[in-house]
Amino acid sequence: MATVQRWSGIEVRALREAKRMSIREFAAHLGVSERMISKWEAGRENIRPRPVNQAALDTCLARSDADTRARFSHLTGGSLVPVDAAGEAMPDLIGSSRVRHPADGSTMVKVDGSVFLSGPSNEPIWVSDFYIDVYPVTNSQYAQFLTATGHPAPQRWSEENVEKLGDHPVVFVTWNDATAYAKWAGKALPTSQQWEKAARGTRGAVYPWGDQPTPAKCNVRENGVGSTTPVDCYQTGISPYGVYDMCGNVWEWCSTETRHGRYELKGGAWTSPFDRATPSSFNDAAASMCDDDTGFRCVTPAETLENLLARQ
C-alpha cells in the first residue's frame, strides 16, 4: 500500500460520485474499508490522506470518461494508460464502432462474425456479425415504447420509473413484452449465443472483464445494493466489446427457446449470487414470467442496421 499525498475528502467524494459508485463499491474497488471511505469523505478539504492502493486509484481514473480523467488527472500516481486492479495494462476494446439506432435511440456496438468459445465447456461456435445494445433497455426507453404503442405497462409501473429510475433497466417484463419492444424498434432479442459472445469476447473469458472473480465489478447479491443500478454504473465490468451489465443487475431475456414456451435468460441479477452470474451459466423461464430482476436488451443483424443508417 502506498500513501497518497494529494487526496482530500472532497476529491474522494467527487470522484466516487463521478464514477456513480456507492461507498461499498468504491471501497471494494480501492481495497479499503467502507468506514475509511466514509470518514475520508466526511473530513474537511485539507484532511490528511490515508493509506490506499495507488494502482487502484489510477485504475478508477483510467477507466473513466475523458471529462472525469481531465478533472482528476492530478490525483493519479502515474500514466493514465488503462490498467486493471493489479496495475497491469489492459488491452483495447474489441468493439470500437458505436452507433445510435434510429428507432429507439439506443447505443449499439458491432460484434464481428467469428468463432467464439461458448458455454462452460468452451465449445467453439460460429456467430455471424451483429449489433447489440451497449446497455439493457431502460425505463426511459420503455416509456417511449409504451407511449407509442399503448402496450400494457409492467407491474408496479409509475411515473417514478421514468423520473427517478429512468437510467435503470426496465423490469417486470415478460418475454412477450421484451419481444414486442424489440419488434417495435425494428430489432430482436439476442440468441443466447449472440448474448454470450458479446459478454465473453472470442477467447472465452469467464467474466466480461476477464477471468478474475471480482464481485465488486457488477451488481450481484454479495454487494448488498438491494436493487437495480443505472445501466452505466459498473464501468470496470464491461465486456471486451464495451457492453455493460453482462454480469449482474438484471437477468436478460434471449430469443433461444429451450422447450415449448420457455426461453433462456442470461447474466444474473442484483438478486443473484455471484457464481450464478457468469455469462456461460444456463437459466430459463416461462415466457409469462416477470419479476423485479428481469429485463432485456436487443440486437440487429449488422447488414440491416448499416443499410438503415446509410439511407439516413
Protein backbone atom coordinates (compact mmCIF):
# COMPACT_ATOMS: atom_id res chain seq x y z
CA MET A 1 0.00 0.00 0.00
CA ALA A 2 1.32 3.41 -0.92
CA THR A 3 0.47 6.69 0.74
CA VAL A 4 -1.35 9.18 -1.45
CA GLN A 5 -0.29 12.72 -0.65
CA ARG A 6 -2.78 14.70 -2.74
CA TRP A 7 -6.23 13.27 -1.98
CA SER A 8 -8.75 15.21 0.07
CA GLY A 9 -12.18 14.20 1.30
CA ILE A 10 -13.89 16.49 -1.22
CA GLU A 11 -11.88 14.98 -4.07
CA VAL A 12 -12.63 11.42 -2.95
CA ARG A 13 -16.35 12.10 -2.82
CA ALA A 14 -16.33 13.94 -6.16
CA LEU A 15 -14.56 11.09 -7.93
CA ARG A 16 -16.82 8.46 -6.37
CA GLU A 17 -19.89 10.41 -7.49
CA ALA A 18 -18.42 10.91 -10.96
CA LYS A 19 -17.99 7.13 -11.14
CA ARG A 20 -21.55 6.68 -9.83
CA MET A 21 -20.32 4.19 -7.25
CA SER A 22 -21.77 3.57 -3.83
CA ILE A 23 -19.43 3.78 -0.83
CA ARG A 24 -19.47 -0.01 -0.71
CA GLU A 25 -18.50 -0.34 -4.38
CA PHE A 26 -15.80 2.36 -4.18
CA ALA A 27 -14.29 0.84 -1.04
CA ALA A 28 -14.20 -2.62 -2.63
CA HIS A 29 -12.57 -1.21 -5.75
CA LEU A 30 -9.83 0.56 -3.76
CA GLY A 31 -9.32 -2.35 -1.38
CA VAL A 32 -10.13 -0.36 1.76
CA SER A 33 -12.95 -0.43 4.30
CA GLU A 34 -16.27 1.37 3.86
CA ARG A 35 -15.58 3.07 7.18
CA MET A 36 -12.37 4.56 5.77
CA ILE A 37 -14.20 6.00 2.75
CA SER A 38 -16.99 7.41 4.94
CA LYS A 39 -14.52 9.06 7.33
CA TRP A 40 -12.42 10.33 4.45
CA GLU A 41 -15.39 11.96 2.74
CA ALA A 42 -16.67 13.45 5.99
CA GLY A 43 -13.44 15.39 6.57
CA ARG A 44 -12.52 18.89 5.54
CA GLU A 45 -10.86 19.65 2.24
CA ASN A 46 -7.40 19.69 3.81
CA ILE A 47 -7.70 16.42 5.74
CA ARG A 48 -4.64 14.22 5.94
CA PRO A 49 -4.67 11.46 3.31
CA ARG A 50 -4.95 7.84 4.40
CA PRO A 51 -3.09 4.82 3.01
CA VAL A 52 -4.73 3.42 -0.12
CA ASN A 53 -3.81 1.34 -3.14
CA GLN A 54 -2.48 3.87 -5.67
CA ALA A 55 -2.78 1.39 -8.55
CA ALA A 56 -6.49 1.04 -7.81
CA LEU A 57 -6.91 4.82 -7.74
CA ASP A 58 -5.18 5.05 -11.10
CA THR A 59 -7.46 2.30 -12.40
CA CYS A 60 -10.52 4.23 -11.29
CA LEU A 61 -9.39 7.21 -13.34
CA ALA A 62 -8.12 5.22 -16.31
CA ARG A 63 -11.50 3.51 -16.71
CA SER A 64 -13.39 6.82 -16.52
CA ASP A 65 -14.66 9.02 -19.30
CA ALA A 66 -12.44 11.75 -20.73
CA ASP A 67 -14.05 14.56 -18.70
CA THR A 68 -13.51 12.73 -15.42
CA ARG A 69 -9.90 11.89 -16.31
CA ALA A 70 -9.20 15.54 -17.11
CA ARG A 71 -10.85 16.77 -13.92
CA PHE A 72 -8.98 14.39 -11.62
CA SER A 73 -5.76 13.70 -13.53
CA HIS A 74 -3.68 15.48 -10.86
CA LEU A 75 -4.55 12.67 -8.45
CA THR A 76 -3.00 9.85 -10.45
CA GLY A 77 0.28 8.32 -9.40
CA GLY A 78 1.40 7.78 -12.99
CA SER A 79 0.22 7.30 -16.53
CA LEU A 80 -3.44 7.15 -17.44
CA VAL A 81 -2.95 4.11 -19.66
CA PRO A 82 -5.88 1.78 -18.82
CA VAL A 83 -4.84 -0.76 -16.18
CA ASP A 84 -6.58 -3.49 -14.24
CA ALA A 85 -6.79 -3.76 -10.44
CA ALA A 86 -3.29 -5.25 -10.33
CA GLY A 87 -1.86 -2.30 -12.25
CA GLU A 88 -1.41 -4.29 -15.48
CA ALA A 89 -2.10 -2.58 -18.80
CA MET A 90 -5.46 -3.56 -20.28
CA PRO A 91 -5.97 -4.39 -23.97
CA ASP A 92 -8.02 -2.15 -26.24
CA LEU A 93 -11.68 -2.99 -26.56
CA ILE A 94 -12.70 -5.17 -29.49
CA GLY A 95 -15.81 -3.10 -30.08
CA SER A 96 -14.82 0.36 -31.28
CA SER A 97 -17.67 1.33 -33.61
CA ARG A 98 -20.67 2.54 -31.64
CA VAL A 99 -23.75 3.76 -33.45
CA ARG A 100 -27.14 5.10 -32.39
CA HIS A 101 -30.16 3.13 -33.54
CA PRO A 102 -32.62 5.46 -35.28
CA ALA A 103 -35.77 3.84 -33.86
CA ASP A 104 -35.27 3.83 -30.08
CA GLY A 105 -32.09 5.90 -29.83
CA SER A 106 -30.15 3.10 -28.16
CA THR A 107 -26.36 2.96 -28.38
CA MET A 108 -25.26 -0.21 -30.15
CA VAL A 109 -21.85 -1.75 -30.85
CA LYS A 110 -20.83 -4.15 -33.58
CA VAL A 111 -19.81 -7.71 -32.77
CA ASP A 112 -17.95 -9.02 -35.80
CA GLY A 113 -18.70 -12.51 -37.06
CA SER A 114 -16.24 -15.12 -35.82
CA VAL A 115 -15.83 -18.27 -33.79
CA PHE A 116 -16.04 -17.84 -30.03
CA LEU A 117 -15.78 -20.19 -27.07
CA SER A 118 -19.28 -20.95 -25.79
CA GLY A 119 -20.69 -22.43 -22.60
CA PRO A 120 -18.97 -23.96 -19.57
CA SER A 121 -17.07 -26.36 -21.84
CA ASN A 122 -15.83 -23.57 -24.17
CA GLU A 123 -17.20 -25.20 -27.31
CA PRO A 124 -16.14 -23.34 -30.49
CA ILE A 125 -19.25 -21.77 -32.10
CA TRP A 126 -19.59 -19.51 -35.15
CA VAL A 127 -21.79 -16.42 -34.83
CA SER A 128 -22.36 -14.01 -37.73
CA ASP A 129 -21.80 -10.29 -37.21
CA PHE A 130 -24.48 -8.27 -35.44
CA TYR A 131 -25.02 -5.15 -33.38
CA ILE A 132 -26.04 -5.33 -29.73
CA ASP A 133 -27.33 -2.69 -27.31
CA VAL A 134 -24.49 -1.42 -25.15
CA TYR A 135 -26.92 -1.14 -22.22
CA PRO A 136 -30.06 -3.00 -21.16
CA VAL A 137 -33.29 -1.28 -22.21
CA THR A 138 -34.02 1.41 -19.62
CA ASN A 139 -37.23 2.65 -18.05
CA SER A 140 -36.99 5.83 -20.13
CA GLN A 141 -36.71 3.87 -23.37
CA TYR A 142 -39.53 1.55 -22.39
CA ALA A 143 -41.73 4.53 -21.57
CA GLN A 144 -41.31 5.74 -25.16
CA PHE A 145 -42.42 2.32 -26.37
CA LEU A 146 -45.50 2.38 -24.11
CA THR A 147 -46.48 5.85 -25.33
CA ALA A 148 -46.02 4.95 -28.99
CA THR A 149 -47.84 1.61 -28.92
CA GLY A 150 -50.25 1.60 -25.98
CA HIS A 151 -48.70 -1.68 -24.84
CA PRO A 152 -49.71 -2.58 -21.26
CA ALA A 153 -47.29 -1.20 -18.68
CA PRO A 154 -45.30 -3.58 -16.46
CA GLN A 155 -46.38 -4.38 -12.91
CA ARG A 156 -45.72 -1.57 -10.40
CA TRP A 157 -45.09 0.90 -13.22
CA SER A 158 -45.38 4.55 -12.25
CA GLU A 159 -44.01 7.95 -13.19
CA GLU A 160 -41.19 7.27 -10.74
CA ASN A 161 -39.87 4.64 -13.14
CA VAL A 162 -39.03 7.43 -15.55
CA GLU A 163 -38.43 10.42 -13.26
CA LYS A 164 -36.18 8.75 -10.68
CA LEU A 165 -35.17 5.47 -12.30
CA GLY A 166 -35.04 6.48 -15.95
CA ASP A 167 -31.50 5.19 -16.41
CA HIS A 168 -32.18 1.89 -14.62
CA PRO A 169 -33.10 -1.23 -16.61
CA VAL A 170 -36.80 -1.85 -17.06
CA VAL A 171 -38.03 -4.84 -15.03
CA PHE A 172 -41.25 -6.83 -14.60
CA VAL A 173 -41.22 -7.53 -18.34
CA THR A 174 -42.24 -10.91 -19.74
CA TRP A 175 -40.56 -12.50 -22.75
CA ASN A 176 -43.56 -11.38 -24.79
CA ASP A 177 -43.17 -7.79 -23.55
CA ALA A 178 -39.49 -7.80 -24.47
CA THR A 179 -40.23 -9.26 -27.89
CA ALA A 180 -42.91 -6.63 -28.52
CA TYR A 181 -40.45 -3.83 -27.71
CA ALA A 182 -37.81 -5.36 -29.98
CA LYS A 183 -40.30 -5.63 -32.85
CA TRP A 184 -41.39 -2.01 -32.37
CA ALA A 185 -37.74 -0.90 -32.50
CA GLY A 186 -37.02 -2.98 -35.61
CA LYS A 187 -34.70 -5.24 -33.65
CA ALA A 188 -34.83 -8.65 -31.96
CA LEU A 189 -33.90 -10.33 -28.73
CA PRO A 190 -30.41 -11.87 -28.91
CA THR A 191 -29.91 -15.58 -29.19
CA SER A 192 -28.15 -16.99 -26.15
CA GLN A 193 -25.00 -17.43 -28.25
CA GLN A 194 -25.06 -13.84 -29.50
CA TRP A 195 -25.52 -12.63 -25.95
CA GLU A 196 -22.71 -14.81 -24.61
CA LYS A 197 -20.25 -13.78 -27.32
CA ALA A 198 -20.91 -10.09 -26.62
CA ALA A 199 -20.25 -10.81 -22.94
CA ARG A 200 -17.16 -13.03 -23.14
CA GLY A 201 -15.42 -11.99 -26.36
CA THR A 202 -13.78 -14.55 -28.64
CA ARG A 203 -11.39 -16.07 -26.10
CA GLY A 204 -13.90 -17.47 -23.66
CA ALA A 205 -13.22 -15.20 -20.68
CA VAL A 206 -15.06 -16.38 -17.57
CA TYR A 207 -16.41 -12.90 -16.84
CA PRO A 208 -16.91 -9.85 -19.07
CA TRP A 209 -13.75 -8.23 -17.64
CA GLY A 210 -11.57 -11.37 -17.69
CA ASP A 211 -11.00 -14.47 -15.57
CA GLN A 212 -10.60 -12.88 -12.13
CA PRO A 213 -13.69 -13.35 -9.91
CA THR A 214 -14.42 -9.78 -8.77
CA PRO A 215 -17.98 -9.28 -7.47
CA ALA A 216 -17.32 -5.55 -6.98
CA LYS A 217 -17.36 -5.13 -10.77
CA CYS A 218 -21.07 -5.93 -11.03
CA ASN A 219 -24.41 -5.62 -9.22
CA VAL A 220 -24.87 -9.02 -7.58
CA ARG A 221 -26.17 -10.18 -4.20
CA GLU A 222 -22.77 -10.08 -2.48
CA ASN A 223 -22.54 -6.31 -2.91
CA GLY A 224 -25.72 -5.71 -0.93
CA VAL A 225 -27.07 -2.99 -3.24
CA GLY A 226 -30.55 -4.48 -2.95
CA SER A 227 -31.99 -3.06 -6.18
CA THR A 228 -31.17 -2.29 -9.78
CA THR A 229 -28.48 0.28 -10.57
CA PRO A 230 -28.05 2.70 -13.51
CA VAL A 231 -27.09 0.78 -16.63
CA ASP A 232 -23.74 2.59 -16.96
CA CYS A 233 -22.76 2.23 -13.31
CA TYR A 234 -20.18 -0.56 -13.48
CA GLN A 235 -17.60 0.82 -15.88
CA THR A 236 -14.88 -1.60 -14.77
CA GLY A 237 -17.13 -4.58 -15.51
CA ILE A 238 -17.69 -4.01 -19.22
CA SER A 239 -17.18 -6.77 -21.78
CA PRO A 240 -14.42 -6.86 -24.44
CA TYR A 241 -16.88 -5.16 -26.80
CA GLY A 242 -17.61 -2.39 -24.30
CA VAL A 243 -21.04 -3.78 -23.37
CA TYR A 244 -22.35 -3.05 -19.86
CA ASP A 245 -24.18 -5.20 -17.30
CA MET A 246 -23.44 -8.58 -18.86
CA CYS A 247 -22.92 -9.81 -15.33
CA GLY A 248 -25.46 -8.80 -12.69
CA ASN A 249 -28.08 -6.01 -12.44
CA VAL A 250 -30.91 -7.86 -14.28
CA TRP A 251 -31.45 -11.22 -15.94
CA GLU A 252 -31.90 -10.66 -19.68
CA TRP A 253 -34.33 -12.45 -21.96
CA CYS A 254 -32.95 -14.21 -25.03
CA SER A 255 -34.78 -15.48 -28.12
CA THR A 256 -33.48 -19.03 -27.68
CA GLU A 257 -36.32 -21.40 -26.81
CA THR A 258 -35.31 -24.27 -24.53
CA ARG A 259 -38.61 -26.12 -24.76
CA HIS A 260 -42.12 -25.08 -25.69
CA GLY A 261 -42.92 -21.74 -24.04
CA ARG A 262 -39.61 -21.41 -22.17
CA TYR A 263 -36.68 -19.16 -23.12
CA GLU A 264 -33.13 -18.63 -21.95
CA LEU A 265 -32.14 -15.88 -19.54
CA LYS A 266 -28.59 -14.61 -19.27
CA GLY A 267 -26.30 -12.65 -16.98
CA GLY A 268 -27.62 -12.93 -13.43
CA ALA A 269 -29.11 -10.05 -11.47
CA TRP A 270 -28.86 -7.96 -8.32
CA THR A 271 -30.65 -10.84 -6.58
CA SER A 272 -28.21 -13.48 -7.84
CA PRO A 273 -25.18 -14.92 -6.06
CA PHE A 274 -22.01 -14.05 -7.96
CA ASP A 275 -21.37 -17.63 -9.06
CA ARG A 276 -24.76 -17.68 -10.86
CA ALA A 277 -23.99 -14.53 -12.85
CA THR A 278 -21.27 -15.88 -15.13
CA PRO A 279 -22.21 -15.36 -18.80
CA SER A 280 -21.84 -19.08 -19.60
CA SER A 281 -24.36 -20.11 -16.91
CA PHE A 282 -27.69 -21.54 -18.02
CA ASN A 283 -31.08 -20.30 -16.87
CA ASP A 284 -34.52 -20.33 -18.46
CA ALA A 285 -38.10 -19.42 -17.61
CA ALA A 286 -41.62 -19.48 -18.97
CA ALA A 287 -42.42 -16.68 -21.39
CA SER A 288 -45.04 -15.35 -18.96
CA MET A 289 -42.56 -14.95 -16.08
CA CYS A 290 -41.90 -11.41 -14.88
CA ASP A 291 -40.00 -10.24 -11.81
CA ASP A 292 -38.19 -7.26 -10.35
CA ASP A 293 -34.83 -8.62 -11.53
CA THR A 294 -35.62 -9.42 -15.17
CA GLY A 295 -35.11 -7.17 -18.21
CA PHE A 296 -33.59 -7.37 -21.70
CA ARG A 297 -31.54 -5.80 -24.45
CA CYS A 298 -31.78 -6.08 -28.23
CA VAL A 299 -29.71 -6.98 -31.29
CA THR A 300 -29.95 -6.47 -35.03
CA PRO A 301 -28.04 -8.01 -37.97
CA ALA A 302 -25.09 -5.85 -38.95
CA GLU A 303 -26.18 -5.55 -42.58
CA THR A 304 -29.70 -4.48 -41.57
CA LEU A 305 -28.55 -1.65 -39.33
CA GLU A 306 -25.76 -0.46 -41.63
CA ASN A 307 -28.19 -0.29 -44.57
CA LEU A 308 -30.66 1.62 -42.40
CA LEU A 309 -28.02 4.13 -41.34
CA ALA A 310 -26.78 4.52 -44.91
CA ARG A 311 -30.26 5.63 -46.03
CA GLN A 312 -30.46 8.42 -43.47
